[in-house]
Amino acid sequence: MVAQSAYMHIPFCRRRCYYCDFPIAVVGDKPPIGGDRINGSNSGTIAHYVEVLCQEIRQTPAGDHALNTVFFGGGTPSLLAVEQLEQILQTLDRQFGITSGAEISMEIDPATFDLIQVKGYQSTGVNRVSLGVQAFQAHLLAAAGRSHTPADIEEAIALIYQAGFHNISLDLISGLPHQTLQDWQESLEHAIALAPTHLSCYDLTVEAGTPFSRQYKPGMQPLPSDETTADMYRLAQKLLTAAGYDHYEISNYAKPGYQCRHNHVYWHNQPFYGFGMGATSYLNGDRFARPRKTWEYYTWVEEQGRGGQRGKEVVTLSPPSSSSLPSALSPSSLPSSSSPELLLDTLMLGLRLAEGLSLATLTEQFGATIVGQVQALLQPYVHKGWVEMTNDRIRLTDPEGFLFSNVVLVDLFEQLE
């Protein structure tokens, strides 16, 4: 299968959020004396990164098909100048081609763009934006280390609509320190009132090495209890589906016709290009990641240009524990796909989707004996009401199966390894 999707990692942020373990580069959130805050228009560092990123794209052999999806993630891609975004897209188009109906998504943060800028992004071809809201309460935003305020969120939404975007996603996080069930309900209701076409609701994961990991222990106050975060998940499912959003993936909801096409590439275990610091590609059955530090990435790109060994930074993933499965899929969190792990990858990714997995496809790919073993291992969870098996599909139930997906998947990993 040929890759027809590309992920672009833009690592720059004004500050590092307290829960973030992504490969980023902090540029500061205060303007220098007499100047503007750092962004792509005034930063030589960002401009140089864009040049290296485009160099990497040009050095990558093209497949036989143009790109159907492009996703700018980060970091904070809205720190890019419009001209820099256009430069990247033009480089992609020259190297691979971009189809006329491609989904081109961009993560943006409140208080990092104005109307001229967001209209400029749209003029370059961006047709889907994902706004990093996280919460609508000032005290929760401060507790998470976010650099924006509730007022910034309102202004950002107004600018996005004014620019004429129709495909709009909002990101929210549950399980934040000091967050109550009432806070979460208010955020959900506020998000619904803003009428985005897509919502991503992620449960906080306290990652090792982050400020949160030094301040908080999972299950201990001021983090909400496991029971409260479970109730938050159920509440999101109840309110959002009642508001007309399809719960099409564990953490994602969409109005009909607005599911994220790019993320479906990950969930269906299809190949994709990844470009930029820390980004992962999945090509010819192999996953490999670029270095996570800026100058190591620059050196790596130069080595590839001189004919170095591509893919020497190989991504691996140990069998997940009940708390380590990724709640938000990004190319830096996807599992390895060496042959022994392909079944586990397929189960882990496919069971995130409401549609689940096709038994016929699994049988064709792995054989009837293996599929029968998977079905037998899942029987206890069928009885619990967490898994549904029909003549042609396996899926997790909503919301309970999704809520306890880690338990189900960890058991499968332990039994099938």
Protein backbone atom coordinates (compact mmCIF):
# COMPACT_ATOMS: atom_id res chain seq x y z
CA MET A 1 0.00 0.00 0.00
CA VAL A 2 1.35 3.41 -1.00
CA ALA A 3 1.44 6.32 1.45
CA GLN A 4 -1.00 9.10 0.56
CA SER A 5 -0.82 11.08 3.81
CA ALA A 6 1.82 13.28 5.40
CA TYR A 7 2.28 14.52 8.96
CA MET A 8 4.30 17.73 9.41
CA HIS A 9 5.73 18.39 12.88
CA ILE A 10 6.07 22.08 13.75
CA PRO A 11 7.77 21.95 17.16
CA PHE A 12 7.69 25.59 18.30
CA CYS A 13 5.66 26.65 21.35
CA ARG A 14 5.58 29.80 23.45
CA ARG A 15 5.84 27.65 26.55
CA ARG A 16 5.71 23.97 27.43
CA CYS A 17 2.38 22.91 28.92
CA TYR A 18 2.78 21.06 32.18
CA TYR A 19 1.41 17.79 30.75
CA CYS A 20 3.37 17.84 27.45
CA ASP A 21 6.08 15.31 26.55
CA PHE A 22 6.08 16.02 22.80
CA PRO A 23 9.32 17.02 21.05
CA ILE A 24 9.04 20.82 21.05
CA ALA A 25 11.21 23.93 21.13
CA VAL A 26 10.11 26.77 23.42
CA VAL A 27 10.43 30.29 21.95
CA GLY A 28 9.05 32.26 24.91
CA ASP A 29 5.67 33.88 25.53
CA LYS A 30 6.82 37.40 26.37
CA PRO A 31 7.81 39.94 23.71
CA PRO A 32 11.30 41.46 23.82
CA ILE A 33 11.47 45.12 24.83
CA GLY A 34 10.08 47.18 21.98
CA GLY A 35 9.27 44.15 19.85
CA ASP A 36 6.64 41.55 19.05
CA ARG A 37 6.33 38.08 20.50
CA ILE A 38 8.39 35.45 18.67
CA ASN A 39 6.73 33.90 15.64
CA GLY A 40 7.60 32.78 12.14
CA SER A 41 7.65 36.34 10.83
CA ASN A 42 10.49 37.50 13.09
CA SER A 43 12.33 34.35 14.13
CA GLY A 44 15.41 33.16 12.27
CA THR A 45 15.17 29.91 14.25
CA ILE A 46 11.70 29.12 12.89
CA ALA A 47 12.71 30.17 9.37
CA HIS A 48 15.73 27.85 9.47
CA TYR A 49 13.61 24.95 10.69
CA VAL A 50 11.22 25.44 7.77
CA GLU A 51 14.14 25.33 5.34
CA VAL A 52 15.44 22.07 6.83
CA LEU A 53 11.94 20.58 6.88
CA CYS A 54 11.54 21.37 3.18
CA GLN A 55 14.97 19.90 2.51
CA GLU A 56 13.86 16.66 4.16
CA ILE A 57 10.71 16.58 2.02
CA ARG A 58 12.73 17.08 -1.17
CA GLN A 59 15.07 14.24 -0.19
CA THR A 60 12.23 11.74 0.29
CA PRO A 61 11.41 9.48 -2.67
CA ALA A 62 7.87 10.01 -3.93
CA GLY A 63 5.31 7.25 -4.38
CA ASP A 64 2.91 6.74 -7.27
CA HIS A 65 -0.03 8.58 -5.71
CA ALA A 66 -0.59 12.16 -4.59
CA LEU A 67 -1.36 13.06 -0.99
CA ASN A 68 -4.99 12.86 0.17
CA THR A 69 -4.35 14.26 3.65
CA VAL A 70 -1.77 16.59 5.19
CA PHE A 71 -1.68 17.33 8.92
CA PHE A 72 0.32 20.12 10.57
CA GLY A 73 0.80 19.20 14.23
CA GLY A 74 3.05 20.36 17.00
CA GLY A 75 4.02 22.22 18.88
CA THR A 76 2.05 25.23 17.70
CA PRO A 77 1.84 25.37 13.89
CA SER A 78 0.02 28.72 14.09
CA LEU A 79 3.35 30.30 15.04
CA LEU A 80 4.28 29.88 11.36
CA ALA A 81 4.00 32.83 9.03
CA VAL A 82 1.57 32.30 6.18
CA GLU A 83 4.47 32.39 3.71
CA GLN A 84 6.22 29.59 5.61
CA LEU A 85 3.13 27.39 5.58
CA GLU A 86 2.78 28.05 1.87
CA GLN A 87 6.45 27.16 1.33
CA ILE A 88 5.95 23.79 3.03
CA LEU A 89 2.77 22.99 1.12
CA GLN A 90 4.33 23.95 -2.20
CA THR A 91 7.32 21.73 -1.44
CA LEU A 92 5.00 18.82 -0.64
CA ASP A 93 3.02 19.43 -3.81
CA ARG A 94 6.12 19.52 -6.01
CA GLN A 95 7.55 16.36 -4.45
CA PHE A 96 4.44 14.21 -4.03
CA GLY A 97 1.47 16.08 -5.43
CA ILE A 98 -1.59 17.03 -3.36
CA THR A 99 -5.02 16.01 -4.64
CA SER A 100 -7.60 18.70 -5.29
CA GLY A 101 -9.90 17.29 -2.59
CA ALA A 102 -7.19 16.73 0.03
CA GLU A 103 -7.92 17.33 3.70
CA ILE A 104 -5.28 19.78 4.94
CA SER A 105 -5.48 20.13 8.72
CA MET A 106 -3.67 22.53 11.00
CA GLU A 107 -3.45 22.68 14.77
CA ILE A 108 -3.79 26.27 16.02
CA ASP A 109 -3.79 27.80 19.49
CA PRO A 110 -5.78 30.75 20.83
CA ALA A 111 -3.89 34.05 20.96
CA THR A 112 -1.36 32.96 18.32
CA PHE A 113 -3.08 34.33 15.20
CA ASP A 114 -5.15 37.21 13.87
CA LEU A 115 -7.77 37.39 11.12
CA ILE A 116 -5.30 38.18 8.32
CA GLN A 117 -3.15 35.25 9.38
CA VAL A 118 -5.94 32.66 9.58
CA LYS A 119 -7.34 33.85 6.25
CA GLY A 120 -3.84 33.46 4.86
CA TYR A 121 -3.67 29.87 6.09
CA GLN A 122 -6.96 29.20 4.34
CA SER A 123 -5.69 30.74 1.11
CA THR A 124 -2.73 28.33 1.07
CA GLY A 125 -5.12 25.35 1.11
CA VAL A 126 -5.77 24.65 4.80
CA ASN A 127 -9.41 23.53 5.03
CA ARG A 128 -9.56 22.07 8.54
CA VAL A 129 -8.38 23.66 11.80
CA SER A 130 -8.05 22.12 15.24
CA LEU A 131 -8.11 24.67 18.08
CA GLY A 132 -6.32 23.73 21.30
CA VAL A 133 -8.92 24.86 23.84
CA GLN A 134 -8.34 22.23 26.59
CA ALA A 135 -10.66 23.97 29.11
CA PHE A 136 -12.91 27.03 29.39
CA GLN A 137 -12.03 27.85 33.02
CA ALA A 138 -9.17 30.27 33.72
CA HIS A 139 -7.95 28.39 36.80
CA LEU A 140 -7.72 25.10 34.87
CA LEU A 141 -5.86 26.70 31.97
CA ALA A 142 -3.37 28.19 34.45
CA ALA A 143 -3.02 24.86 36.25
CA ALA A 144 -2.21 23.16 32.94
CA GLY A 145 0.39 25.77 31.97
CA ARG A 146 -1.57 27.03 28.96
CA SER A 147 -0.69 30.51 27.74
CA HIS A 148 -4.21 31.54 26.70
CA THR A 149 -7.31 32.67 28.59
CA PRO A 150 -11.04 31.96 28.14
CA ALA A 151 -11.36 35.33 26.42
CA ASP A 152 -8.65 34.29 23.96
CA ILE A 153 -10.69 31.18 23.11
CA GLU A 154 -13.78 33.23 22.31
CA GLU A 155 -11.78 35.59 20.12
CA ALA A 156 -10.08 32.70 18.31
CA ILE A 157 -13.39 31.01 17.53
CA ALA A 158 -14.82 34.28 16.22
CA LEU A 159 -11.81 34.77 13.93
CA ILE A 160 -12.03 31.20 12.59
CA TYR A 161 -15.68 31.60 11.71
CA GLN A 162 -15.06 35.07 10.29
CA ALA A 163 -12.37 33.62 8.04
CA GLY A 164 -14.96 31.23 6.61
CA PHE A 165 -13.77 27.88 7.96
CA HIS A 166 -16.45 25.17 8.13
CA ASN A 167 -14.39 22.16 9.26
CA ILE A 168 -13.46 23.11 12.83
CA SER A 169 -12.30 20.87 15.66
CA LEU A 170 -11.87 21.73 19.34
CA ASP A 171 -9.56 19.87 21.75
CA LEU A 172 -10.62 19.39 25.37
CA ILE A 173 -8.85 17.63 28.26
CA SER A 174 -10.57 15.86 31.16
CA GLY A 175 -8.91 14.81 34.40
CA LEU A 176 -6.95 18.03 34.92
CA PRO A 177 -5.76 18.99 38.41
CA HIS A 178 -8.59 20.61 40.42
CA GLN A 179 -11.11 19.84 37.64
CA THR A 180 -14.56 18.83 38.86
CA LEU A 181 -17.34 17.03 37.06
CA GLN A 182 -19.20 20.35 36.98
CA ASP A 183 -16.21 22.05 35.35
CA TRP A 184 -16.17 19.33 32.70
CA GLN A 185 -19.88 19.64 32.05
CA GLU A 186 -19.53 23.41 31.63
CA SER A 187 -16.68 22.92 29.15
CA LEU A 188 -18.66 20.40 27.14
CA GLU A 189 -21.77 22.58 27.05
CA HIS A 190 -19.71 25.62 26.11
CA ALA A 191 -18.03 23.67 23.30
CA ILE A 192 -21.37 22.43 21.98
CA ALA A 193 -22.70 25.99 21.96
CA LEU A 194 -19.78 27.04 19.74
CA ALA A 195 -20.96 24.45 17.17
CA PRO A 196 -17.67 22.99 15.91
CA THR A 197 -17.95 20.12 13.45
CA HIS A 198 -15.52 17.96 15.47
CA LEU A 199 -14.47 17.54 19.10
CA SER A 200 -11.54 15.63 20.57
CA CYS A 201 -11.86 14.81 24.29
CA TYR A 202 -8.68 13.45 25.80
CA ASP A 203 -8.20 12.12 29.31
CA LEU A 204 -5.09 13.53 30.96
CA THR A 205 -2.13 11.16 31.06
CA VAL A 206 0.63 12.09 33.50
CA GLU A 207 3.72 11.38 31.38
CA ALA A 208 7.14 10.73 32.90
CA GLY A 209 9.49 13.69 32.76
CA THR A 210 6.76 16.33 32.57
CA PRO A 211 6.16 18.99 35.25
CA PHE A 212 2.92 17.19 36.12
CA SER A 213 4.83 13.98 36.83
CA ARG A 214 6.90 15.85 39.41
CA GLN A 215 3.86 17.45 41.05
CA TYR A 216 1.18 14.78 40.97
CA LYS A 217 0.74 11.06 41.43
CA PRO A 218 -2.02 9.34 39.45
CA GLY A 219 -5.13 8.76 41.53
CA MET A 220 -4.17 11.33 44.17
CA GLN A 221 -5.64 14.78 44.72
CA PRO A 222 -5.80 17.37 43.26
CA LEU A 223 -6.16 15.07 40.25
CA PRO A 224 -9.74 13.79 39.96
CA SER A 225 -10.28 10.22 41.13
CA ASP A 226 -10.53 7.34 38.66
CA GLU A 227 -14.26 7.21 39.38
CA THR A 228 -14.63 10.90 38.56
CA THR A 229 -12.65 10.66 35.31
CA ALA A 230 -14.78 7.66 34.31
CA ASP A 231 -17.88 9.74 34.96
CA MET A 232 -16.34 12.52 32.86
CA TYR A 233 -15.95 10.10 29.97
CA ARG A 234 -19.54 8.90 30.27
CA LEU A 235 -20.78 12.48 30.51
CA ALA A 236 -18.94 13.50 27.32
CA GLN A 237 -20.46 10.55 25.46
CA LYS A 238 -23.94 11.39 26.72
CA LEU A 239 -23.88 15.13 26.02
CA LEU A 240 -22.05 15.04 22.69
CA THR A 241 -24.05 12.22 21.12
CA ALA A 242 -27.26 13.94 22.26
CA ALA A 243 -26.00 17.07 20.47
CA GLY A 244 -25.65 15.18 17.19
CA TYR A 245 -21.98 14.19 17.29
CA ASP A 246 -21.02 10.66 16.26
CA HIS A 247 -18.68 9.00 18.75
CA TYR A 248 -16.60 7.46 16.00
CA GLU A 249 -13.36 6.85 17.94
CA ILE A 250 -12.48 6.50 21.62
CA SER A 251 -11.55 10.17 22.02
CA ASN A 252 -13.22 11.74 18.99
CA TYR A 253 -16.67 12.99 18.04
CA ALA A 254 -17.82 14.43 14.73
CA LYS A 255 -20.87 15.76 13.00
CA PRO A 256 -21.84 13.53 10.04
CA GLY A 257 -19.31 13.96 7.24
CA TYR A 258 -16.64 15.57 9.44
CA GLN A 259 -14.57 12.70 10.79
CA CYS A 260 -10.84 13.41 10.60
CA ARG A 261 -9.66 11.69 7.44
CA HIS A 262 -5.99 11.97 8.36
CA ASN A 263 -6.34 10.22 11.71
CA HIS A 264 -8.20 7.38 10.02
CA VAL A 265 -4.92 6.60 8.26
CA TYR A 266 -3.36 5.84 11.67
CA TRP A 267 -6.34 3.92 13.02
CA HIS A 268 -6.52 1.74 9.90
CA ASN A 269 -2.79 1.07 10.14
CA GLN A 270 -2.09 2.53 6.71
CA PRO A 271 1.27 3.96 5.58
CA PHE A 272 2.09 7.65 5.89
CA TYR A 273 4.99 10.05 5.60
CA GLY A 274 6.20 11.95 8.66
CA PHE A 275 8.41 15.01 8.44
CA GLY A 276 10.07 17.16 11.07
CA MET A 277 11.75 16.81 14.45
CA GLY A 278 10.53 13.69 16.27
CA ALA A 279 8.01 12.76 13.57
CA THR A 280 7.42 9.12 12.64
CA SER A 281 6.88 7.61 9.21
CA TYR A 282 5.25 4.26 8.44
CA LEU A 283 6.49 3.10 5.05
CA ASN A 284 6.91 -0.37 3.54
CA GLY A 285 5.84 -1.96 6.82
CA ASP A 286 8.45 -0.14 8.93
CA ARG A 287 8.07 2.72 11.38
CA PHE A 288 10.97 5.04 12.07
CA ALA A 289 11.31 8.31 13.94
CA ARG A 290 13.49 11.31 13.47
CA PRO A 291 15.60 12.60 16.38
CA ARG A 292 13.63 14.51 19.03
CA LYS A 293 16.19 17.32 19.51
CA THR A 294 16.51 20.17 17.04
CA TRP A 295 20.21 20.05 16.17
CA GLU A 296 20.22 16.24 16.09
CA TYR A 297 17.34 16.44 13.61
CA TYR A 298 19.22 18.98 11.48
CA THR A 299 22.30 16.73 11.44
CA TRP A 300 20.15 13.75 10.53
CA VAL A 301 18.62 15.57 7.55
CA GLU A 302 22.07 16.55 6.33
CA GLU A 303 23.22 12.93 6.62
CA GLN A 304 20.23 11.75 4.58
CA GLY A 305 21.15 14.30 1.93
CA ARG A 306 24.61 12.75 1.74
CA GLY A 307 23.13 9.26 1.38
CA GLY A 308 23.06 8.25 5.04
CA GLN A 309 21.08 5.26 6.30
CA ARG A 310 17.46 6.35 6.34
CA GLY A 311 15.40 5.21 9.29
CA LYS A 312 18.20 4.55 11.75
CA GLU A 313 15.99 6.00 14.52
CA VAL A 314 13.54 3.11 14.87
CA VAL A 315 10.34 3.52 16.90
CA THR A 316 9.50 0.68 19.24
CA LEU A 317 6.70 0.21 21.73
CA SER A 318 6.71 -2.19 24.64
CA PRO A 319 3.48 -4.06 25.37
CA PRO A 320 1.24 -1.46 27.02
CA SER A 321 0.31 -1.36 30.65
CA SER A 322 -3.21 -0.44 31.73
CA SER A 323 -2.14 3.21 31.97
CA SER A 324 0.21 3.62 29.01
CA LEU A 325 -1.86 3.17 25.87
CA PRO A 326 -1.91 6.46 23.96
CA SER A 327 -5.13 8.41 24.38
CA ALA A 328 -4.23 10.74 21.53
CA LEU A 329 -2.62 9.26 18.47
CA SER A 330 0.18 11.27 16.96
CA PRO A 331 2.94 9.96 14.73
CA SER A 332 5.32 10.06 17.68
CA SER A 333 3.12 7.74 19.78
CA LEU A 334 2.33 5.04 17.25
CA PRO A 335 3.60 1.49 17.80
CA SER A 336 6.22 -0.40 15.88
CA SER A 337 5.02 -2.68 13.09
CA SER A 338 7.56 -5.44 12.75
CA SER A 339 5.88 -8.66 11.60
CA PRO A 340 5.35 -10.26 15.06
CA GLU A 341 3.60 -7.11 16.24
CA LEU A 342 1.37 -6.48 13.24
CA LEU A 343 -1.62 -8.28 14.75
CA LEU A 344 -1.29 -6.39 18.03
CA ASP A 345 -0.96 -3.09 16.16
CA THR A 346 -4.05 -3.86 14.13
CA LEU A 347 -6.09 -4.74 17.22
CA MET A 348 -4.88 -1.76 19.25
CA LEU A 349 -5.59 0.75 16.50
CA GLY A 350 -8.73 -0.76 14.99
CA LEU A 351 -10.55 -1.29 18.28
CA ARG A 352 -10.29 2.44 18.95
CA LEU A 353 -12.91 2.94 16.23
CA ALA A 354 -16.65 2.59 16.76
CA GLU A 355 -16.77 0.51 13.58
CA GLY A 356 -14.30 -1.93 15.12
CA LEU A 357 -12.57 -4.56 13.02
CA SER A 358 -13.81 -6.71 10.15
CA LEU A 359 -13.49 -10.42 10.91
CA ALA A 360 -13.19 -11.17 7.21
CA THR A 361 -10.29 -8.75 6.83
CA LEU A 362 -8.58 -10.06 9.97
CA THR A 363 -8.97 -13.63 8.73
CA GLU A 364 -7.55 -12.75 5.32
CA GLN A 365 -4.59 -11.02 6.95
CA PHE A 366 -3.81 -13.35 9.86
CA GLY A 367 -5.70 -16.61 9.28
CA ALA A 368 -8.75 -18.25 10.81
CA THR A 369 -6.80 -19.88 13.67
CA ILE A 370 -5.44 -16.58 15.01
CA VAL A 371 -8.80 -14.84 14.64
CA GLY A 372 -10.48 -17.68 16.50
CA GLN A 373 -7.96 -17.27 19.30
CA VAL A 374 -8.69 -13.54 19.49
CA GLN A 375 -12.43 -14.22 19.64
CA ALA A 376 -11.96 -16.73 22.45
CA LEU A 377 -9.82 -14.31 24.45
CA LEU A 378 -12.46 -11.62 24.10
CA GLN A 379 -15.38 -13.76 25.31
CA PRO A 380 -15.05 -12.71 28.99
CA TYR A 381 -15.37 -9.08 27.89
CA VAL A 382 -18.42 -9.90 25.79
CA HIS A 383 -20.05 -11.17 28.99
CA LYS A 384 -19.01 -7.95 30.79
CA GLY A 385 -20.67 -5.90 28.07
CA TRP A 386 -17.42 -4.29 26.96
CA VAL A 387 -17.02 -6.10 23.63
CA GLU A 388 -19.56 -6.84 20.94
CA MET A 389 -18.96 -9.61 18.40
CA THR A 390 -21.22 -10.23 15.42
CA ASN A 391 -20.83 -12.54 12.46
CA ASP A 392 -18.67 -10.02 10.68
CA ARG A 393 -17.16 -7.57 13.21
CA ILE A 394 -15.49 -7.11 16.60
CA ARG A 395 -15.99 -3.76 18.34
CA LEU A 396 -15.83 -2.19 21.76
CA THR A 397 -19.12 -1.01 23.19
CA ASP A 398 -19.82 2.67 23.81
CA PRO A 399 -19.18 3.98 26.40
CA GLU A 400 -18.18 1.10 28.68
CA GLY A 401 -16.03 -0.83 26.24
CA PHE A 402 -14.18 2.32 25.20
CA LEU A 403 -13.80 3.32 28.83
CA PHE A 404 -12.14 0.00 29.73
CA SER A 405 -10.30 -0.44 26.43
CA ASN A 406 -6.91 -0.47 28.15
CA VAL A 407 -7.92 -3.48 30.24
CA VAL A 408 -9.08 -5.36 27.16
CA LEU A 409 -6.04 -4.49 25.07
CA VAL A 410 -3.50 -5.22 27.78
CA ASP A 411 -5.03 -8.67 28.23
CA LEU A 412 -4.84 -9.29 24.49
CA PHE A 413 -1.21 -8.14 24.37
CA GLU A 414 -0.23 -10.42 27.27
CA GLN A 415 -2.03 -13.45 25.85
CA LEU A 416 -1.01 -13.06 22.21
CA GLU A 417 2.63 -12.05 22.58
